[in-house]
Structure formats: structure tokens, C-alpha cells
N, C-alpha and C. Protein backbone atom coordinates (compact mmCIF):
# COMPACT_ATOMS: atom_id res chain seq x y z
N MET A 1 -35.80 9.25 0.86
CA MET A 1 -34.40 9.58 1.09
C MET A 1 -33.94 8.91 2.37
N LYS A 2 -32.86 8.16 2.28
CA LYS A 2 -32.32 7.50 3.47
C LYS A 2 -31.12 8.29 3.98
N ARG A 3 -31.01 8.31 5.28
CA ARG A 3 -29.85 8.95 5.90
C ARG A 3 -29.12 7.92 6.72
N PHE A 4 -27.83 7.96 6.65
CA PHE A 4 -26.99 7.05 7.42
C PHE A 4 -26.22 7.87 8.43
N PHE A 5 -26.66 7.82 9.66
CA PHE A 5 -26.01 8.58 10.71
C PHE A 5 -24.70 7.91 11.12
N GLY A 6 -23.71 8.74 11.35
CA GLY A 6 -22.43 8.21 11.79
C GLY A 6 -21.59 7.62 10.67
N ARG A 7 -22.08 7.68 9.45
CA ARG A 7 -21.31 7.15 8.32
C ARG A 7 -20.83 8.31 7.47
N GLN A 8 -19.62 8.17 7.01
CA GLN A 8 -19.08 9.17 6.11
C GLN A 8 -19.20 8.65 4.69
N GLU A 9 -18.98 9.53 3.75
CA GLU A 9 -18.96 9.11 2.35
C GLU A 9 -17.85 8.08 2.18
N PRO A 10 -18.09 7.07 1.35
CA PRO A 10 -17.04 6.07 1.13
C PRO A 10 -15.79 6.73 0.54
N THR A 11 -14.64 6.26 0.96
CA THR A 11 -13.39 6.79 0.46
C THR A 11 -13.05 6.08 -0.85
N ALA A 12 -12.80 6.85 -1.87
CA ALA A 12 -12.43 6.28 -3.16
C ALA A 12 -10.97 5.85 -3.12
N ILE A 13 -10.68 4.77 -3.80
CA ILE A 13 -9.30 4.29 -3.89
C ILE A 13 -8.76 4.72 -5.24
N GLU A 14 -7.87 5.68 -5.19
CA GLU A 14 -7.29 6.23 -6.41
C GLU A 14 -6.27 5.25 -6.98
N LEU A 15 -6.20 5.17 -8.29
CA LEU A 15 -5.20 4.34 -8.96
C LEU A 15 -4.01 5.22 -9.32
N VAL A 16 -2.80 4.68 -9.12
CA VAL A 16 -1.58 5.39 -9.51
C VAL A 16 -0.82 4.52 -10.50
N ASP A 17 0.12 5.16 -11.21
CA ASP A 17 0.88 4.46 -12.24
C ASP A 17 2.38 4.49 -11.94
N TYR A 18 3.14 3.95 -12.87
CA TYR A 18 4.59 3.85 -12.73
C TYR A 18 5.22 5.21 -12.44
N GLU A 19 4.86 6.22 -13.21
CA GLU A 19 5.46 7.55 -13.03
C GLU A 19 5.24 8.08 -11.62
N TYR A 20 4.08 7.83 -11.07
CA TYR A 20 3.76 8.28 -9.72
C TYR A 20 4.65 7.56 -8.70
N VAL A 21 4.74 6.24 -8.84
CA VAL A 21 5.52 5.43 -7.89
C VAL A 21 7.01 5.72 -8.02
N LYS A 22 7.46 5.99 -9.22
CA LYS A 22 8.88 6.27 -9.47
C LYS A 22 9.35 7.49 -8.66
N LYS A 23 8.46 8.43 -8.38
CA LYS A 23 8.81 9.66 -7.65
C LYS A 23 8.80 9.48 -6.12
N LEU A 24 8.32 8.33 -5.64
CA LEU A 24 8.16 8.16 -4.19
C LEU A 24 9.44 8.26 -3.37
N PRO A 25 10.62 7.87 -3.88
CA PRO A 25 11.82 8.05 -3.06
C PRO A 25 12.06 9.51 -2.65
N CYS A 26 11.50 10.45 -3.41
CA CYS A 26 11.62 11.87 -3.07
C CYS A 26 10.49 12.36 -2.17
N GLU A 27 9.61 11.45 -1.77
CA GLU A 27 8.45 11.82 -0.96
C GLU A 27 8.32 10.86 0.23
N PRO A 28 9.24 10.95 1.19
CA PRO A 28 9.27 9.98 2.30
C PRO A 28 8.06 10.02 3.22
N GLN A 29 7.23 11.04 3.12
CA GLN A 29 6.03 11.10 3.95
C GLN A 29 4.96 10.13 3.47
N LYS A 30 5.12 9.61 2.25
CA LYS A 30 4.17 8.65 1.69
C LYS A 30 4.67 7.24 1.96
N LEU A 31 3.75 6.32 2.13
CA LEU A 31 4.10 4.95 2.48
C LEU A 31 3.72 4.00 1.34
N LEU A 32 4.71 3.29 0.81
CA LEU A 32 4.50 2.30 -0.25
C LEU A 32 4.55 0.92 0.38
N VAL A 33 3.46 0.17 0.26
CA VAL A 33 3.34 -1.13 0.92
C VAL A 33 3.19 -2.23 -0.13
N ASP A 34 4.11 -3.18 -0.10
CA ASP A 34 4.08 -4.36 -0.97
C ASP A 34 3.39 -5.47 -0.20
N VAL A 35 2.26 -5.97 -0.72
CA VAL A 35 1.49 -6.96 0.02
C VAL A 35 1.74 -8.39 -0.46
N ARG A 36 2.79 -8.59 -1.25
CA ARG A 36 3.15 -9.95 -1.68
C ARG A 36 3.77 -10.71 -0.50
N GLU A 37 3.86 -12.02 -0.66
CA GLU A 37 4.52 -12.86 0.34
C GLU A 37 6.03 -12.66 0.25
N PRO A 38 6.76 -12.79 1.36
CA PRO A 38 8.22 -12.57 1.34
C PRO A 38 8.95 -13.40 0.28
N ASN A 39 8.52 -14.64 0.04
CA ASN A 39 9.21 -15.46 -0.96
C ASN A 39 9.05 -14.87 -2.36
N GLU A 40 7.94 -14.17 -2.62
CA GLU A 40 7.76 -13.52 -3.92
C GLU A 40 8.77 -12.39 -4.11
N LEU A 41 9.04 -11.66 -3.05
CA LEU A 41 10.03 -10.59 -3.13
C LEU A 41 11.42 -11.15 -3.37
N GLU A 42 11.72 -12.26 -2.71
CA GLU A 42 13.03 -12.90 -2.90
C GLU A 42 13.23 -13.33 -4.35
N GLU A 43 12.16 -13.80 -4.99
CA GLU A 43 12.24 -14.28 -6.36
C GLU A 43 12.33 -13.15 -7.38
N SER A 44 11.64 -12.04 -7.12
CA SER A 44 11.54 -11.01 -8.16
C SER A 44 12.23 -9.70 -7.82
N GLY A 45 12.23 -9.31 -6.56
CA GLY A 45 12.78 -8.03 -6.17
C GLY A 45 11.70 -7.16 -5.54
N GLN A 46 12.08 -5.93 -5.24
CA GLN A 46 11.20 -5.04 -4.50
C GLN A 46 11.32 -3.63 -5.05
N ILE A 47 10.25 -2.90 -5.05
CA ILE A 47 10.28 -1.50 -5.47
C ILE A 47 10.97 -0.69 -4.38
N PRO A 48 11.92 0.17 -4.76
CA PRO A 48 12.62 0.97 -3.74
C PRO A 48 11.64 1.73 -2.84
N THR A 49 11.97 1.80 -1.59
CA THR A 49 11.26 2.46 -0.48
C THR A 49 10.04 1.70 0.01
N SER A 50 9.67 0.59 -0.65
CA SER A 50 8.48 -0.14 -0.18
C SER A 50 8.79 -0.96 1.06
N ILE A 51 7.77 -1.16 1.86
CA ILE A 51 7.87 -2.08 2.97
C ILE A 51 6.97 -3.27 2.65
N ASN A 52 7.30 -4.43 3.19
CA ASN A 52 6.52 -5.63 2.90
C ASN A 52 5.61 -5.98 4.07
N ILE A 53 4.31 -5.92 3.80
CA ILE A 53 3.29 -6.39 4.74
C ILE A 53 2.39 -7.32 3.94
N PRO A 54 2.56 -8.64 4.08
CA PRO A 54 1.71 -9.56 3.33
C PRO A 54 0.23 -9.27 3.54
N LEU A 55 -0.56 -9.50 2.50
CA LEU A 55 -1.99 -9.18 2.53
C LEU A 55 -2.68 -9.68 3.79
N ALA A 56 -2.41 -10.90 4.20
CA ALA A 56 -3.08 -11.48 5.36
C ALA A 56 -2.76 -10.74 6.67
N GLN A 57 -1.72 -9.91 6.67
CA GLN A 57 -1.31 -9.20 7.88
C GLN A 57 -1.60 -7.70 7.84
N VAL A 58 -2.15 -7.21 6.74
CA VAL A 58 -2.34 -5.76 6.58
C VAL A 58 -3.20 -5.18 7.70
N CYS A 59 -4.33 -5.77 7.98
CA CYS A 59 -5.21 -5.25 9.03
C CYS A 59 -4.50 -5.20 10.37
N GLN A 60 -3.90 -6.29 10.75
CA GLN A 60 -3.20 -6.39 12.04
C GLN A 60 -2.08 -5.35 12.14
N GLU A 61 -1.32 -5.18 11.09
CA GLU A 61 -0.17 -4.27 11.15
C GLU A 61 -0.59 -2.80 11.13
N LEU A 62 -1.64 -2.47 10.40
CA LEU A 62 -2.06 -1.07 10.35
C LEU A 62 -2.66 -0.59 11.67
N VAL A 63 -3.10 -1.52 12.52
CA VAL A 63 -3.64 -1.13 13.83
C VAL A 63 -2.66 -1.43 14.97
N ALA A 64 -1.48 -1.92 14.63
CA ALA A 64 -0.47 -2.19 15.65
C ALA A 64 -0.06 -0.88 16.33
N SER A 65 0.54 -1.00 17.49
CA SER A 65 1.00 0.21 18.18
C SER A 65 2.08 0.89 17.34
N LYS A 66 2.24 2.19 17.57
CA LYS A 66 3.25 2.95 16.83
C LYS A 66 4.64 2.35 17.04
N GLN A 67 4.92 1.92 18.27
CA GLN A 67 6.24 1.38 18.57
C GLN A 67 6.48 0.06 17.84
N ILE A 68 5.50 -0.81 17.82
CA ILE A 68 5.65 -2.10 17.14
C ILE A 68 5.81 -1.90 15.65
N PHE A 69 5.00 -1.02 15.06
CA PHE A 69 5.08 -0.78 13.61
C PHE A 69 6.47 -0.26 13.26
N GLU A 70 6.95 0.73 14.00
CA GLU A 70 8.26 1.32 13.70
C GLU A 70 9.37 0.30 13.89
N CYS A 71 9.25 -0.54 14.91
CA CYS A 71 10.25 -1.59 15.14
C CYS A 71 10.26 -2.59 13.99
N ASN A 72 9.08 -2.97 13.51
CA ASN A 72 8.97 -3.97 12.44
C ASN A 72 9.37 -3.45 11.07
N TYR A 73 9.12 -2.16 10.81
CA TYR A 73 9.28 -1.66 9.44
C TYR A 73 10.24 -0.48 9.30
N GLY A 74 10.74 0.04 10.40
CA GLY A 74 11.67 1.15 10.31
C GLY A 74 11.02 2.43 9.79
N ARG A 75 9.71 2.48 9.85
CA ARG A 75 8.94 3.64 9.41
C ARG A 75 7.89 3.94 10.47
N LYS A 76 7.45 5.18 10.52
CA LYS A 76 6.37 5.52 11.44
C LYS A 76 5.07 4.90 10.94
N ARG A 77 4.25 4.44 11.88
CA ARG A 77 2.95 3.90 11.51
C ARG A 77 2.14 5.02 10.87
N PRO A 78 1.45 4.72 9.77
CA PRO A 78 0.70 5.78 9.11
C PRO A 78 -0.46 6.29 9.96
N GLU A 79 -0.70 7.58 9.86
CA GLU A 79 -1.87 8.20 10.47
C GLU A 79 -3.03 8.01 9.50
N LEU A 80 -4.24 8.30 9.94
CA LEU A 80 -5.41 8.07 9.09
C LEU A 80 -5.39 8.90 7.81
N ASP A 81 -4.64 10.02 7.81
CA ASP A 81 -4.57 10.84 6.59
C ASP A 81 -3.25 10.68 5.83
N THR A 82 -2.38 9.79 6.28
CA THR A 82 -1.13 9.51 5.56
C THR A 82 -1.46 8.88 4.22
N GLU A 83 -0.74 9.29 3.19
CA GLU A 83 -0.93 8.65 1.88
C GLU A 83 -0.27 7.27 1.90
N ILE A 84 -1.07 6.25 1.63
CA ILE A 84 -0.58 4.87 1.57
C ILE A 84 -0.86 4.33 0.17
N ILE A 85 0.18 3.85 -0.48
CA ILE A 85 0.06 3.25 -1.81
C ILE A 85 0.35 1.77 -1.67
N PHE A 86 -0.60 0.93 -2.06
CA PHE A 86 -0.43 -0.51 -1.99
C PHE A 86 -0.06 -1.05 -3.37
N HIS A 87 0.79 -2.09 -3.36
CA HIS A 87 1.07 -2.80 -4.61
C HIS A 87 1.35 -4.26 -4.31
N CYS A 88 1.26 -5.07 -5.34
CA CYS A 88 1.51 -6.52 -5.23
C CYS A 88 2.17 -6.96 -6.54
N ARG A 89 1.78 -8.07 -7.10
CA ARG A 89 2.34 -8.52 -8.37
C ARG A 89 1.62 -7.86 -9.55
N SER A 90 0.28 -7.87 -9.51
CA SER A 90 -0.47 -7.36 -10.65
C SER A 90 -1.48 -6.27 -10.29
N GLY A 91 -1.78 -6.11 -9.02
CA GLY A 91 -2.71 -5.07 -8.59
C GLY A 91 -3.99 -5.59 -7.95
N LYS A 92 -4.19 -6.89 -7.96
CA LYS A 92 -5.43 -7.44 -7.38
C LYS A 92 -5.37 -7.51 -5.85
N ARG A 93 -4.31 -8.11 -5.32
CA ARG A 93 -4.18 -8.19 -3.86
C ARG A 93 -4.01 -6.81 -3.24
N SER A 94 -3.32 -5.95 -3.95
CA SER A 94 -3.13 -4.59 -3.41
C SER A 94 -4.46 -3.84 -3.33
N LEU A 95 -5.37 -4.11 -4.26
CA LEU A 95 -6.70 -3.50 -4.17
C LEU A 95 -7.43 -4.02 -2.94
N GLN A 96 -7.29 -5.30 -2.64
CA GLN A 96 -7.90 -5.85 -1.42
C GLN A 96 -7.31 -5.18 -0.19
N ALA A 97 -5.99 -5.00 -0.17
CA ALA A 97 -5.33 -4.34 0.97
C ALA A 97 -5.82 -2.90 1.10
N ALA A 98 -5.97 -2.21 -0.03
CA ALA A 98 -6.47 -0.83 0.00
C ALA A 98 -7.88 -0.79 0.58
N GLU A 99 -8.70 -1.75 0.22
CA GLU A 99 -10.06 -1.81 0.77
C GLU A 99 -10.05 -2.04 2.28
N VAL A 100 -9.11 -2.86 2.75
CA VAL A 100 -8.95 -3.08 4.19
C VAL A 100 -8.58 -1.77 4.87
N ALA A 101 -7.62 -1.05 4.30
CA ALA A 101 -7.18 0.22 4.90
C ALA A 101 -8.33 1.22 4.96
N VAL A 102 -9.11 1.30 3.92
CA VAL A 102 -10.26 2.21 3.91
C VAL A 102 -11.26 1.80 5.00
N ALA A 103 -11.50 0.51 5.13
CA ALA A 103 -12.42 0.02 6.17
C ALA A 103 -11.92 0.36 7.57
N LEU A 104 -10.61 0.47 7.72
CA LEU A 104 -10.02 0.83 9.01
C LEU A 104 -10.05 2.34 9.26
N GLY A 105 -10.47 3.10 8.27
CA GLY A 105 -10.58 4.55 8.44
C GLY A 105 -9.52 5.38 7.75
N PHE A 106 -8.60 4.75 7.04
CA PHE A 106 -7.58 5.51 6.32
C PHE A 106 -8.24 6.22 5.14
N ARG A 107 -7.87 7.49 4.95
CA ARG A 107 -8.59 8.34 4.00
C ARG A 107 -7.80 8.67 2.74
N ASN A 108 -6.54 8.31 2.69
CA ASN A 108 -5.70 8.70 1.54
C ASN A 108 -5.02 7.45 0.99
N VAL A 109 -5.82 6.55 0.48
CA VAL A 109 -5.36 5.22 0.07
C VAL A 109 -5.33 5.13 -1.45
N LYS A 110 -4.23 4.57 -1.96
CA LYS A 110 -4.07 4.44 -3.41
C LYS A 110 -3.63 3.01 -3.75
N ASN A 111 -3.88 2.62 -4.99
CA ASN A 111 -3.49 1.31 -5.48
C ASN A 111 -2.66 1.49 -6.75
N TYR A 112 -1.48 0.86 -6.77
CA TYR A 112 -0.63 0.89 -7.96
C TYR A 112 -1.14 -0.15 -8.93
N GLU A 113 -1.90 0.31 -9.91
CA GLU A 113 -2.46 -0.60 -10.91
C GLU A 113 -1.33 -1.13 -11.78
N GLY A 114 -1.27 -2.43 -11.92
CA GLY A 114 -0.18 -3.06 -12.67
C GLY A 114 0.93 -3.52 -11.76
N SER A 115 1.11 -2.83 -10.66
CA SER A 115 2.03 -3.21 -9.58
C SER A 115 3.39 -3.69 -10.06
N TRP A 116 3.90 -4.79 -9.48
CA TRP A 116 5.26 -5.25 -9.80
C TRP A 116 5.44 -5.54 -11.28
N LEU A 117 4.45 -6.12 -11.94
CA LEU A 117 4.59 -6.43 -13.37
C LEU A 117 4.81 -5.16 -14.18
N ASP A 118 4.09 -4.10 -13.85
CA ASP A 118 4.26 -2.82 -14.54
C ASP A 118 5.61 -2.21 -14.20
N TRP A 119 5.99 -2.27 -12.93
CA TRP A 119 7.27 -1.72 -12.49
C TRP A 119 8.42 -2.42 -13.21
N ALA A 120 8.40 -3.75 -13.21
CA ALA A 120 9.48 -4.52 -13.83
C ALA A 120 9.57 -4.20 -15.33
N LYS A 121 8.44 -4.11 -16.00
CA LYS A 121 8.43 -3.79 -17.43
C LYS A 121 9.07 -2.42 -17.68
N ASN A 122 8.67 -1.43 -16.91
CA ASN A 122 9.20 -0.07 -17.08
C ASN A 122 10.65 0.07 -16.68
N GLU A 123 11.11 -0.77 -15.76
CA GLU A 123 12.50 -0.72 -15.29
C GLU A 123 13.41 -1.65 -16.09
N GLY A 124 12.82 -2.42 -17.01
CA GLY A 124 13.61 -3.37 -17.80
C GLY A 124 14.07 -4.57 -17.01
N LEU A 125 13.27 -4.98 -16.02
CA LEU A 125 13.58 -6.13 -15.16
C LEU A 125 12.76 -7.32 -15.59
N SER A 126 13.22 -8.51 -15.23
CA SER A 126 12.39 -9.68 -15.49
C SER A 126 11.32 -9.75 -14.40
N SER A 127 10.13 -10.17 -14.78
CA SER A 127 9.05 -10.23 -13.81
C SER A 127 8.79 -11.67 -13.49
């Protein structure tokens, strides 16, 4: 039997769906993060209430000071137990971002499986 001192159980990344994300405007304590590049958002659109933090900047932004985060995104920087839902175009990059957040110590991390493609389909938008 091996023991790992100072290590906690790995945090599971829960998957969420369209119905879950659709309710987020009524739950402002939760943070929806779009990890696509800004030009992708310009081309397709954005899920309401989401903030854009490109995948390459997720680590840097999640550890930024509270003041810098709020200035950049108009939202309070998430605490380690804040629910954070990541999404991208299809769900692959958002899973990478979720893994980064877990590695940083965030404990309530979710991934919108299907992401923008699923959202656009359910909303009747072009993807």
C-alpha cells in the first residue's frame, strides 16, 4: 500500500450539458469561461454570461490578482471552491482548461461537453 503525503484525491471534472449551461444567467455565482480565441467568438458568437480567456492564458489569469482579474473581466476572480464551467468550440480545449484549473487547486470544475457546437445547435444558431 502506497501513501502519498500532502496529496489530496484527484478532483473529478464533471461534464455538463446544454440544459445546465442555459440556466447559468440565473446563477451569477458560477463562472462560465470560453477558452476559444477572440477571433472565433467574433465569427460565431458567445454564450451569454461567459467570459473569454483563451486556453493559452487560463493558468496566468486564474492566478492573477483579484484586482487585475476583475478589471479584465468585470467579474470577481474565482475562489478555489467557486464553480467554474469551461467551454470552447467542441469541448476538447475546455477539457484542457479544466485540467489546468484542477492542477491549480480549483475543486469545483466542470466542462461543457459539446460546447459551442452543442449550444448553437440547441439555440438554432449557425456554428
